[in-house]
N, C-alpha and C. Protein backbone atom coordinates (compact mmCIF):
# COMPACT_ATOMS: atom_id res chain seq x y z
N UNK A 1 116.82 84.62 98.99
CA UNK A 1 118.21 84.82 99.34
C UNK A 1 118.51 86.22 100.01
N UNK A 2 119.17 86.04 100.94
CA UNK A 2 119.62 87.40 101.42
C UNK A 2 120.54 88.15 100.77
N UNK A 3 120.66 89.50 101.10
CA UNK A 3 121.80 90.47 100.46
C UNK A 3 123.17 89.77 100.97
N UNK A 4 124.21 89.51 100.14
CA UNK A 4 125.29 88.96 100.37
C UNK A 4 125.98 89.68 101.55
N UNK A 5 126.52 89.07 102.56
CA UNK A 5 127.19 89.88 103.75
C UNK A 5 128.47 89.06 104.04
N UNK A 6 129.10 88.09 103.14
CA UNK A 6 130.16 87.41 103.12
C UNK A 6 130.74 86.89 101.94
N UNK A 7 131.95 86.43 101.82
CA UNK A 7 132.26 86.10 100.55
C UNK A 7 131.64 84.81 100.11
N UNK A 8 131.39 83.78 101.24
CA UNK A 8 130.73 82.80 100.93
C UNK A 8 129.10 83.01 100.28
N UNK A 9 128.41 83.86 100.85
CA UNK A 9 127.08 84.26 100.61
C UNK A 9 127.24 84.99 99.22
N UNK A 10 128.15 85.73 98.90
CA UNK A 10 128.50 86.40 97.46
C UNK A 10 128.75 85.41 96.57
N UNK A 11 129.49 84.29 96.78
CA UNK A 11 129.93 83.28 95.88
C UNK A 11 128.69 82.51 95.77
N UNK A 12 127.77 82.33 96.59
CA UNK A 12 126.52 81.62 96.25
C UNK A 12 125.66 82.45 95.40
N UNK A 13 125.72 83.55 95.38
CA UNK A 13 124.57 84.52 94.69
C UNK A 13 125.40 84.48 93.17
N UNK A 14 126.79 84.49 93.36
CA UNK A 14 127.32 84.47 91.83
C UNK A 14 127.10 83.24 91.07
N UNK A 15 126.81 81.88 91.86
CA UNK A 15 126.65 80.68 91.09
C UNK A 15 125.37 80.45 90.81
N UNK A 16 124.46 81.48 91.13
CA UNK A 16 123.02 81.06 90.68
C UNK A 16 123.21 81.38 89.14
N UNK A 17 122.49 80.12 88.48
CA UNK A 17 122.49 80.09 87.14
C UNK A 17 120.95 80.89 86.75
N UNK A 18 121.15 81.80 85.84
CA UNK A 18 119.89 82.62 85.30
C UNK A 18 119.62 81.90 83.99
N UNK A 19 120.14 81.41 83.27
CA UNK A 19 119.85 80.57 82.14
C UNK A 19 120.82 79.63 81.65
N UNK A 20 120.87 79.16 80.44
CA UNK A 20 121.82 78.01 80.14
C UNK A 20 123.01 78.52 80.24
N UNK A 21 123.25 79.75 79.82
CA UNK A 21 124.74 80.33 79.48
C UNK A 21 125.29 81.35 80.66
N UNK A 22 124.42 81.74 81.17
CA UNK A 22 124.51 83.04 82.16
C UNK A 22 124.18 82.75 83.72
N UNK A 23 125.15 83.25 84.45
CA UNK A 23 125.28 83.09 85.83
C UNK A 23 125.09 84.62 86.36
N UNK A 24 124.59 84.70 87.62
CA UNK A 24 124.50 85.88 88.13
C UNK A 24 125.83 86.73 88.25
N UNK A 25 126.97 85.84 88.54
CA UNK A 25 128.32 86.36 88.47
C UNK A 25 128.58 87.35 87.22
N UNK A 26 128.05 86.79 85.98
CA UNK A 26 128.49 87.62 84.84
C UNK A 26 127.81 89.10 84.97
N UNK A 27 126.59 89.12 85.68
CA UNK A 27 125.97 90.26 85.61
C UNK A 27 126.46 91.34 86.87
N UNK A 28 127.30 90.88 87.78
CA UNK A 28 127.74 91.89 88.80
C UNK A 28 128.77 92.63 88.55
N UNK A 29 129.54 92.40 87.36
CA UNK A 29 130.96 93.13 87.34
C UNK A 29 130.36 94.56 86.85
N UNK A 30 131.12 95.51 87.85
CA UNK A 30 131.00 97.17 87.15
C UNK A 30 132.52 97.77 87.57
N UNK A 31 132.86 98.35 86.32
CA UNK A 31 134.03 99.17 86.44
C UNK A 31 133.98 100.32 87.54
N UNK A 32 132.85 100.89 87.67
CA UNK A 32 132.37 101.97 88.71
C UNK A 32 132.80 101.29 89.96
N UNK A 33 132.10 100.27 90.31
CA UNK A 33 132.23 99.67 91.66
C UNK A 33 133.75 99.16 92.01
N UNK A 34 134.41 98.55 90.84
CA UNK A 34 135.66 98.17 91.06
C UNK A 34 136.71 99.13 91.41
N UNK A 35 136.48 100.42 90.74
CA UNK A 35 137.45 101.43 90.57
C UNK A 35 137.20 102.14 91.98
N UNK A 36 135.88 102.41 92.31
CA UNK A 36 135.92 103.15 93.88
C UNK A 36 135.50 102.26 95.07
N UNK A 37 135.92 100.87 94.69
CA UNK A 37 135.70 100.05 96.04
C UNK A 37 134.56 99.84 96.73
N UNK A 38 133.31 99.83 95.65
CA UNK A 38 132.01 99.59 96.06
C UNK A 38 131.62 98.02 95.74
N UNK A 39 130.69 97.61 96.78
CA UNK A 39 130.07 96.30 96.49
C UNK A 39 128.92 96.61 95.50
N UNK A 40 128.97 95.79 94.55
CA UNK A 40 127.74 95.92 93.45
C UNK A 40 126.87 94.51 93.63
N UNK A 41 126.02 94.62 94.71
CA UNK A 41 125.39 93.48 95.11
C UNK A 41 123.80 93.89 95.32
N UNK A 42 122.85 93.03 95.02
CA UNK A 42 121.54 93.54 95.19
C UNK A 42 121.06 93.52 96.48
N UNK A 43 120.18 94.51 97.00
CA UNK A 43 119.42 94.48 98.37
C UNK A 43 118.61 93.25 98.32
N UNK A 44 117.75 93.12 97.31
CA UNK A 44 116.92 92.02 97.24
C UNK A 44 117.16 90.82 96.32
N UNK A 45 118.08 90.11 96.51
CA UNK A 45 118.64 89.05 95.69
C UNK A 45 117.48 88.41 95.05
N UNK A 46 116.56 88.07 95.53
CA UNK A 46 115.42 87.13 95.00
C UNK A 46 114.86 88.01 93.84
N UNK A 47 114.53 89.23 93.79
CA UNK A 47 113.92 90.03 92.85
C UNK A 47 115.00 90.04 91.65
N UNK A 48 116.27 90.29 91.98
CA UNK A 48 117.26 90.28 90.89
C UNK A 48 117.49 89.21 90.25
N UNK A 49 117.25 88.05 90.90
CA UNK A 49 117.55 86.66 90.32
C UNK A 49 116.06 86.46 89.35
N UNK A 50 115.11 86.91 89.79
CA UNK A 50 113.91 86.70 89.00
C UNK A 50 113.81 87.27 87.83
N UNK A 51 114.06 88.67 87.78
CA UNK A 51 114.28 89.59 86.59
C UNK A 51 115.41 89.25 85.61
N UNK A 52 116.44 88.86 86.20
CA UNK A 52 117.90 88.43 85.71
C UNK A 52 117.39 87.20 84.86
N UNK A 53 116.67 86.33 85.37
CA UNK A 53 116.40 85.13 84.86
C UNK A 53 115.48 85.48 83.41
N UNK A 54 114.60 86.24 83.40
CA UNK A 54 113.80 86.60 82.41
C UNK A 54 114.47 87.34 81.41
N UNK A 55 115.36 88.29 81.78
CA UNK A 55 116.12 89.02 80.77
C UNK A 55 117.08 87.85 80.04
N UNK A 56 117.90 87.01 80.74
CA UNK A 56 118.78 85.89 80.13
C UNK A 56 117.85 84.91 79.33
N UNK A 57 116.86 84.35 79.93
CA UNK A 57 116.05 83.35 79.22
C UNK A 57 115.22 83.97 77.90
N UNK A 58 114.61 85.00 78.12
CA UNK A 58 113.83 85.58 77.15
C UNK A 58 114.42 86.38 75.90
N UNK A 59 115.59 86.98 76.55
CA UNK A 59 116.14 87.72 75.35
C UNK A 59 117.80 87.38 75.02
N UNK A 60 118.43 87.48 76.28
CA UNK A 60 120.05 87.12 75.82
C UNK A 60 120.37 85.90 75.42
N UNK A 61 119.69 84.71 75.63
CA UNK A 61 119.91 83.30 75.16
C UNK A 61 119.53 83.37 73.61
N UNK A 62 118.24 83.82 73.34
CA UNK A 62 117.95 83.84 71.76
C UNK A 62 118.93 84.71 71.05
N UNK A 63 119.39 85.91 71.64
CA UNK A 63 120.33 86.69 70.90
C UNK A 63 121.51 86.01 70.47
N UNK A 64 122.21 85.24 71.49
CA UNK A 64 123.52 84.44 71.42
C UNK A 64 123.27 83.37 70.61
N UNK A 65 122.12 82.74 70.60
CA UNK A 65 122.03 81.58 69.78
C UNK A 65 121.91 81.94 68.25
N UNK A 66 121.22 83.37 67.79
CA UNK A 66 121.18 83.48 66.63
C UNK A 66 122.46 84.36 66.14
N UNK A 67 122.94 85.05 66.94
CA UNK A 67 124.10 86.05 66.44
C UNK A 67 125.51 85.64 66.88
N UNK A 68 125.52 84.74 68.05
CA UNK A 68 126.97 84.53 68.56
C UNK A 68 127.09 84.94 69.97
N UNK A 69 128.34 84.68 70.50
CA UNK A 69 128.80 84.78 71.86
C UNK A 69 128.29 86.26 72.11
N UNK A 70 127.71 86.54 73.49
CA UNK A 70 127.54 87.86 73.82
C UNK A 70 128.51 88.18 74.99
N UNK A 71 128.91 89.51 74.86
CA UNK A 71 129.95 89.93 76.00
C UNK A 71 128.97 90.93 76.90
N UNK A 72 128.92 90.69 78.08
CA UNK A 72 128.36 91.49 78.94
C UNK A 72 129.13 92.82 79.21
N UNK A 73 128.71 94.03 79.05
CA UNK A 73 129.52 95.37 79.40
C UNK A 73 129.00 96.05 80.69
N UNK A 74 127.75 95.80 80.92
CA UNK A 74 127.08 96.17 82.19
C UNK A 74 125.57 95.71 82.23
N UNK A 75 125.46 95.23 83.78
CA UNK A 75 124.09 94.57 83.81
C UNK A 75 123.54 95.15 84.96
N UNK A 76 123.61 94.39 85.87
CA UNK A 76 123.02 94.81 87.38
C UNK A 76 123.99 95.89 88.06
N UNK A 77 123.24 97.00 88.47
CA UNK A 77 123.91 97.98 89.36
C UNK A 77 123.15 98.26 90.65
N UNK A 78 123.79 98.18 91.63
CA UNK A 78 123.48 98.45 92.99
C UNK A 78 122.69 99.94 93.01
N UNK A 79 122.13 100.40 93.82
CA UNK A 79 121.58 101.65 94.01
C UNK A 79 122.61 102.87 94.24
N UNK A 80 123.69 102.21 95.03
CA UNK A 80 124.79 102.98 95.51
C UNK A 80 125.76 103.20 94.16
N UNK A 81 126.25 102.16 93.53
CA UNK A 81 127.00 102.12 92.41
C UNK A 81 126.40 102.78 91.21
N UNK A 82 124.92 102.89 90.94
CA UNK A 82 124.30 103.74 89.97
C UNK A 82 124.37 105.15 90.39
N UNK A 83 124.00 105.42 91.77
CA UNK A 83 124.13 106.87 92.06
C UNK A 83 125.44 107.37 91.90
N UNK A 84 126.50 106.63 92.37
CA UNK A 84 127.64 107.42 92.20
C UNK A 84 128.11 107.63 90.71
N UNK A 85 127.92 106.72 89.82
CA UNK A 85 127.87 107.13 88.25
C UNK A 85 126.99 108.08 87.91
N UNK A 86 125.90 108.28 88.52
CA UNK A 86 124.99 109.42 88.13
C UNK A 86 125.74 110.67 88.46
N UNK A 87 126.10 110.79 89.80
CA UNK A 87 126.68 112.10 90.25
C UNK A 87 128.10 112.26 89.58
N UNK A 88 128.96 111.29 89.06
CA UNK A 88 129.89 111.68 88.55
C UNK A 88 129.70 112.15 87.08
N UNK A 89 128.90 111.71 86.39
CA UNK A 89 128.37 112.06 85.13
C UNK A 89 127.91 113.61 85.20
N UNK A 90 127.18 113.75 86.26
CA UNK A 90 126.74 115.10 86.39
C UNK A 90 127.74 116.16 86.74
N UNK A 91 128.93 115.55 87.17
CA UNK A 91 130.01 116.35 87.34
C UNK A 91 131.14 116.56 86.30
N UNK A 92 130.66 115.91 85.05
CA UNK A 92 131.28 115.97 83.98
C UNK A 92 132.44 115.05 83.75
N UNK A 93 132.43 113.95 84.59
CA UNK A 93 133.39 113.04 84.32
C UNK A 93 133.20 111.89 83.29
N UNK A 94 133.90 111.81 82.40
CA UNK A 94 133.89 111.11 81.26
C UNK A 94 133.68 109.48 81.59
N UNK A 95 132.92 108.56 81.03
CA UNK A 95 132.87 107.05 81.24
C UNK A 95 131.89 106.84 82.42
N UNK A 96 131.23 107.89 82.85
CA UNK A 96 130.18 107.54 83.89
C UNK A 96 128.69 107.66 83.09
N UNK A 97 128.35 106.73 82.50
CA UNK A 97 127.11 106.90 81.71
C UNK A 97 126.07 106.11 82.32
N UNK A 98 125.35 106.82 83.68
CA UNK A 98 124.38 106.32 84.40
C UNK A 98 123.24 107.48 84.44
N UNK A 99 121.84 107.12 84.36
CA UNK A 99 120.81 107.84 84.65
C UNK A 99 120.58 107.70 86.05
N UNK A 100 119.61 108.61 86.57
CA UNK A 100 119.43 108.45 87.96
C UNK A 100 118.95 107.20 88.40
N UNK A 101 118.82 107.14 89.86
CA UNK A 101 118.28 105.76 90.20
C UNK A 101 116.74 105.56 90.15
N UNK A 102 116.07 106.56 89.84
CA UNK A 102 114.66 106.61 89.51
C UNK A 102 114.36 106.21 88.12
N UNK A 103 115.15 106.47 87.18
CA UNK A 103 115.24 106.30 85.69
C UNK A 103 115.76 104.89 85.55
N UNK A 104 116.68 104.49 86.41
CA UNK A 104 117.33 103.10 86.09
C UNK A 104 116.50 101.93 87.03
N UNK A 105 115.22 102.50 87.92
CA UNK A 105 114.63 101.34 88.41
C UNK A 105 114.06 100.32 87.53
N UNK A 106 114.02 99.21 87.84
CA UNK A 106 113.58 98.16 86.87
C UNK A 106 114.34 98.46 85.41
N UNK A 107 115.47 98.76 85.48
CA UNK A 107 116.40 98.79 84.38
C UNK A 107 117.78 98.31 84.93
N UNK A 108 118.79 99.03 84.96
CA UNK A 108 119.97 98.46 85.36
C UNK A 108 119.99 98.14 86.87
N UNK A 109 119.15 98.78 87.61
CA UNK A 109 118.96 98.44 89.13
C UNK A 109 117.70 97.46 89.16
N UNK A 110 118.03 96.31 88.93
CA UNK A 110 117.06 95.09 89.05
C UNK A 110 116.27 94.78 90.08
N UNK A 111 116.69 95.22 91.24
CA UNK A 111 116.14 94.99 92.43
C UNK A 111 115.25 96.14 93.04
N UNK A 112 114.99 96.95 92.21
CA UNK A 112 114.18 98.21 92.62
C UNK A 112 113.08 98.19 91.50
N UNK A 113 111.76 98.18 92.07
CA UNK A 113 110.64 98.51 90.98
C UNK A 113 110.68 99.71 90.27
N UNK A 114 110.06 100.01 89.38
CA UNK A 114 109.88 101.31 88.53
C UNK A 114 108.78 102.10 89.34
N UNK A 115 108.85 103.34 88.98
CA UNK A 115 107.51 104.23 89.37
C UNK A 115 106.25 103.98 89.47
N UNK A 116 106.02 102.94 88.89
CA UNK A 116 104.50 102.32 88.70
C UNK A 116 104.49 100.98 89.31
N UNK A 117 105.57 100.42 89.95
CA UNK A 117 105.45 99.14 90.73
C UNK A 117 105.95 98.02 89.91
N UNK A 118 106.48 98.15 88.75
CA UNK A 118 106.73 97.01 87.91
C UNK A 118 108.16 96.74 87.87
N UNK A 119 108.41 95.51 87.43
CA UNK A 119 109.89 94.75 87.44
C UNK A 119 110.55 94.90 86.06
N UNK A 120 111.71 94.87 86.11
CA UNK A 120 112.52 94.71 84.99
C UNK A 120 114.04 94.71 85.14
N UNK A 121 114.71 94.40 83.83
CA UNK A 121 116.13 93.97 83.95
C UNK A 121 116.72 94.83 82.52
N UNK A 122 118.06 95.20 82.62
CA UNK A 122 118.50 95.63 81.58
C UNK A 122 120.25 95.24 81.49
N UNK A 123 120.64 94.95 80.50
CA UNK A 123 122.23 94.47 80.41
C UNK A 123 122.64 95.15 79.16
N UNK A 124 123.79 95.96 79.22
CA UNK A 124 124.51 96.27 78.22
C UNK A 124 125.44 95.19 77.51
N UNK A 125 125.16 94.89 76.16
CA UNK A 125 125.87 93.88 75.58
C UNK A 125 126.48 94.31 74.43
N UNK A 126 127.52 93.49 73.94
CA UNK A 126 128.35 93.50 72.74
C UNK A 126 128.09 91.93 72.22
N UNK A 127 128.18 92.10 70.90
CA UNK A 127 128.11 90.81 70.24
C UNK A 127 129.13 90.82 69.29
N UNK A 128 130.43 90.45 69.66
CA UNK A 128 131.63 90.72 68.60
C UNK A 128 131.43 90.14 67.24
N UNK A 129 130.85 88.98 66.97
CA UNK A 129 130.69 88.60 65.62
C UNK A 129 129.83 89.35 64.90
N UNK A 130 128.88 90.09 65.61
CA UNK A 130 127.62 90.94 64.75
C UNK A 130 128.56 92.18 64.47
N UNK A 131 129.13 92.56 65.43
CA UNK A 131 129.91 93.96 65.33
C UNK A 131 130.79 93.82 63.81
N UNK A 132 131.59 92.73 64.10
CA UNK A 132 132.46 92.42 62.84
C UNK A 132 131.84 92.15 61.47
N UNK A 133 130.54 91.74 61.56
CA UNK A 133 129.75 91.34 60.48
C UNK A 133 129.26 92.64 59.81
N UNK A 134 128.85 93.56 60.64
CA UNK A 134 128.12 94.74 60.26
C UNK A 134 128.61 96.03 60.69
N UNK A 135 129.91 96.22 60.24
CA UNK A 135 130.66 97.54 60.81
C UNK A 135 130.28 98.80 60.09
N UNK A 136 129.27 98.60 59.13
CA UNK A 136 129.12 99.85 58.28
C UNK A 136 128.04 100.86 59.12
N UNK A 137 128.05 102.12 58.56
CA UNK A 137 127.33 102.84 59.39
C UNK A 137 125.87 102.62 59.39
N UNK A 138 125.12 102.35 60.50
CA UNK A 138 123.72 102.05 60.63
C UNK A 138 123.69 100.47 60.53
N UNK A 139 124.77 99.69 60.85
CA UNK A 139 124.71 98.30 60.75
C UNK A 139 124.08 97.75 61.90
N UNK A 140 123.88 98.39 62.99
CA UNK A 140 123.18 98.11 64.12
C UNK A 140 121.57 97.74 64.02
N UNK A 141 121.10 98.39 62.83
CA UNK A 141 119.58 98.13 62.45
C UNK A 141 119.31 96.86 62.03
N UNK A 142 120.14 96.19 61.64
CA UNK A 142 120.01 94.49 61.34
C UNK A 142 119.68 93.86 62.51
N UNK A 143 120.34 94.27 63.86
CA UNK A 143 120.12 93.54 64.90
C UNK A 143 118.85 93.98 65.71
N UNK A 144 118.74 95.33 65.37
CA UNK A 144 117.35 95.91 65.86
C UNK A 144 116.07 95.43 65.21
N UNK A 145 116.19 95.07 63.90
CA UNK A 145 114.93 94.53 63.13
C UNK A 145 114.74 93.19 63.66
N UNK A 146 115.88 92.41 63.83
CA UNK A 146 115.65 90.78 64.18
C UNK A 146 114.91 90.94 65.49
N UNK A 147 115.54 91.47 66.33
CA UNK A 147 115.14 91.47 67.87
C UNK A 147 113.72 92.05 67.84
N UNK A 148 113.27 93.09 67.14
CA UNK A 148 111.83 93.76 67.02
C UNK A 148 110.95 92.73 66.53
N UNK A 149 111.41 91.87 65.44
CA UNK A 149 110.61 90.73 64.77
C UNK A 149 110.40 89.58 65.84
N UNK A 150 111.43 89.18 66.73
CA UNK A 150 111.35 87.99 67.22
C UNK A 150 111.32 87.79 68.80
N UNK A 151 111.56 88.99 69.46
CA UNK A 151 111.94 88.88 70.84
C UNK A 151 110.89 89.88 71.75
N UNK A 152 110.74 89.14 72.96
CA UNK A 152 109.64 90.26 73.70
C UNK A 152 110.49 91.30 74.65
N UNK A 153 111.26 92.05 73.89
CA UNK A 153 112.05 93.01 74.42
C UNK A 153 111.14 94.23 75.02
N UNK A 154 111.64 95.08 75.87
CA UNK A 154 111.01 96.22 76.38
C UNK A 154 111.52 97.47 75.60
N UNK A 155 112.93 97.41 75.72
CA UNK A 155 113.60 98.57 75.01
C UNK A 155 114.83 98.15 74.56
N UNK A 156 115.39 98.90 73.53
CA UNK A 156 116.64 98.54 72.99
C UNK A 156 117.18 100.06 72.85
N UNK A 157 118.61 100.24 73.35
CA UNK A 157 119.18 101.44 73.02
C UNK A 157 120.68 101.31 72.61
N UNK A 158 120.91 101.78 71.46
CA UNK A 158 122.22 101.38 70.68
C UNK A 158 123.28 102.34 70.87
N UNK A 159 124.58 101.81 70.98
CA UNK A 159 125.59 102.85 71.16
C UNK A 159 126.52 102.54 69.85
N UNK A 160 127.36 103.60 69.44
CA UNK A 160 128.32 103.58 68.46
C UNK A 160 129.40 102.55 68.43
N UNK A 161 130.02 102.38 69.44
CA UNK A 161 131.22 101.70 69.77
C UNK A 161 130.77 99.98 69.58
N UNK A 162 131.20 99.30 68.60
CA UNK A 162 130.81 97.93 68.43
C UNK A 162 129.21 97.55 68.50
N UNK A 163 128.51 98.55 68.41
CA UNK A 163 126.91 98.46 68.28
C UNK A 163 126.50 97.74 69.75
N UNK A 164 127.39 98.30 70.84
CA UNK A 164 126.80 98.05 72.10
C UNK A 164 125.28 98.42 72.19
N UNK A 165 124.39 97.70 73.08
CA UNK A 165 123.12 97.91 73.00
C UNK A 165 122.61 97.69 74.51
N UNK A 166 121.99 98.58 74.98
CA UNK A 166 121.11 98.06 76.36
C UNK A 166 120.05 97.28 76.04
N UNK A 167 119.85 96.10 76.40
CA UNK A 167 118.59 95.20 76.12
C UNK A 167 117.78 95.11 77.50
N UNK A 168 116.70 95.61 77.27
CA UNK A 168 115.81 95.49 78.48
C UNK A 168 114.62 94.73 78.29
N UNK A 169 114.33 93.87 79.61
CA UNK A 169 113.12 92.87 79.90
C UNK A 169 112.49 93.79 80.87
N UNK A 170 111.04 93.79 80.50
CA UNK A 170 110.16 94.55 81.60
C UNK A 170 109.01 93.68 81.40
N UNK A 171 108.03 93.73 82.78
CA UNK A 171 106.77 92.91 82.82
C UNK A 171 105.94 93.76 82.05
N UNK A 172 106.19 95.04 81.70
CA UNK A 172 105.16 95.87 81.06
C UNK A 172 105.92 96.65 79.67
N UNK A 173 106.16 95.70 78.79
CA UNK A 173 107.12 96.01 77.71
C UNK A 173 106.86 97.41 76.95
N UNK A 174 107.50 98.31 76.59
CA UNK A 174 107.46 99.69 75.88
C UNK A 174 107.59 99.03 74.48
N UNK A 175 108.42 98.20 73.89
CA UNK A 175 108.71 98.00 72.58
C UNK A 175 109.18 99.31 71.87
N UNK A 176 110.18 99.79 72.44
CA UNK A 176 111.08 101.03 71.99
C UNK A 176 112.47 100.72 71.72
N UNK A 177 112.82 101.53 70.44
CA UNK A 177 114.18 101.32 69.93
C UNK A 177 114.90 102.67 69.85
N UNK A 178 116.04 103.08 70.60
CA UNK A 178 116.63 104.37 70.36
C UNK A 178 117.95 104.21 70.07
N UNK A 179 118.73 105.24 69.52
CA UNK A 179 120.09 104.99 69.18
C UNK A 179 121.07 106.15 69.34
N UNK A 180 122.12 106.16 70.00
CA UNK A 180 123.04 107.08 70.04
C UNK A 180 124.00 107.06 68.68
N UNK A 181 123.69 105.90 67.96
CA UNK A 181 124.53 105.76 66.78
C UNK A 181 123.80 106.29 65.38
N UNK A 182 124.49 106.55 64.49
CA UNK A 182 123.69 107.05 63.26
C UNK A 182 122.88 105.67 62.61
N UNK A 183 121.72 106.09 62.28
CA UNK A 183 121.08 107.27 62.40
C UNK A 183 120.66 107.30 63.92
N UNK A 184 120.63 108.53 64.49
CA UNK A 184 120.44 108.78 65.90
C UNK A 184 118.94 108.96 66.20
N UNK A 185 118.44 108.65 67.43
CA UNK A 185 117.04 108.95 67.73
C UNK A 185 116.22 107.86 67.73
N UNK A 186 114.97 108.05 68.06
CA UNK A 186 114.12 107.14 68.18
C UNK A 186 113.88 106.27 66.72
N UNK A 187 113.86 104.80 66.73
CA UNK A 187 113.84 104.10 65.44
C UNK A 187 112.45 103.52 65.26
N UNK A 188 112.41 103.38 64.09
CA UNK A 188 111.27 102.60 63.42
C UNK A 188 109.88 103.39 63.40
């Protein structure tokens, strides 16, 4: 599939079903892109669909089946959207939590191979039912333990607000868990 160049082709990309409950459209929303009037679409739609399918089928579907409905906070980012977020964060602008394009290749930038030539995809998710059931300090660790024991993830990065977590699929998984939430740092 080519990079969308019209509303019709963007609509077709958005209707691609990545798994039972997730469509590509779910993954394309970006507050940064919306606020700054940027298109957040992949240059290589086929690669984005391939890795997005793995992320959704291998990780998001089992998480949702076990813990309840997932809300996507941030998933796919185009290089331009991610670079703007990185630049704004470097300029001290609050709310622009983006690493460099190189660091986000095969992460939030699904259609860019990492430095070693590998594929991957990341989505930042919130599970409202889980956050409500485990509001206590360190409650995120219940989810981390379950994912670590049950799923083929590459990395997890937890945040304090509603136990949001960056869930990553990668063809060469690291099996790493980190947290900005208490207890902070590398887990396990």
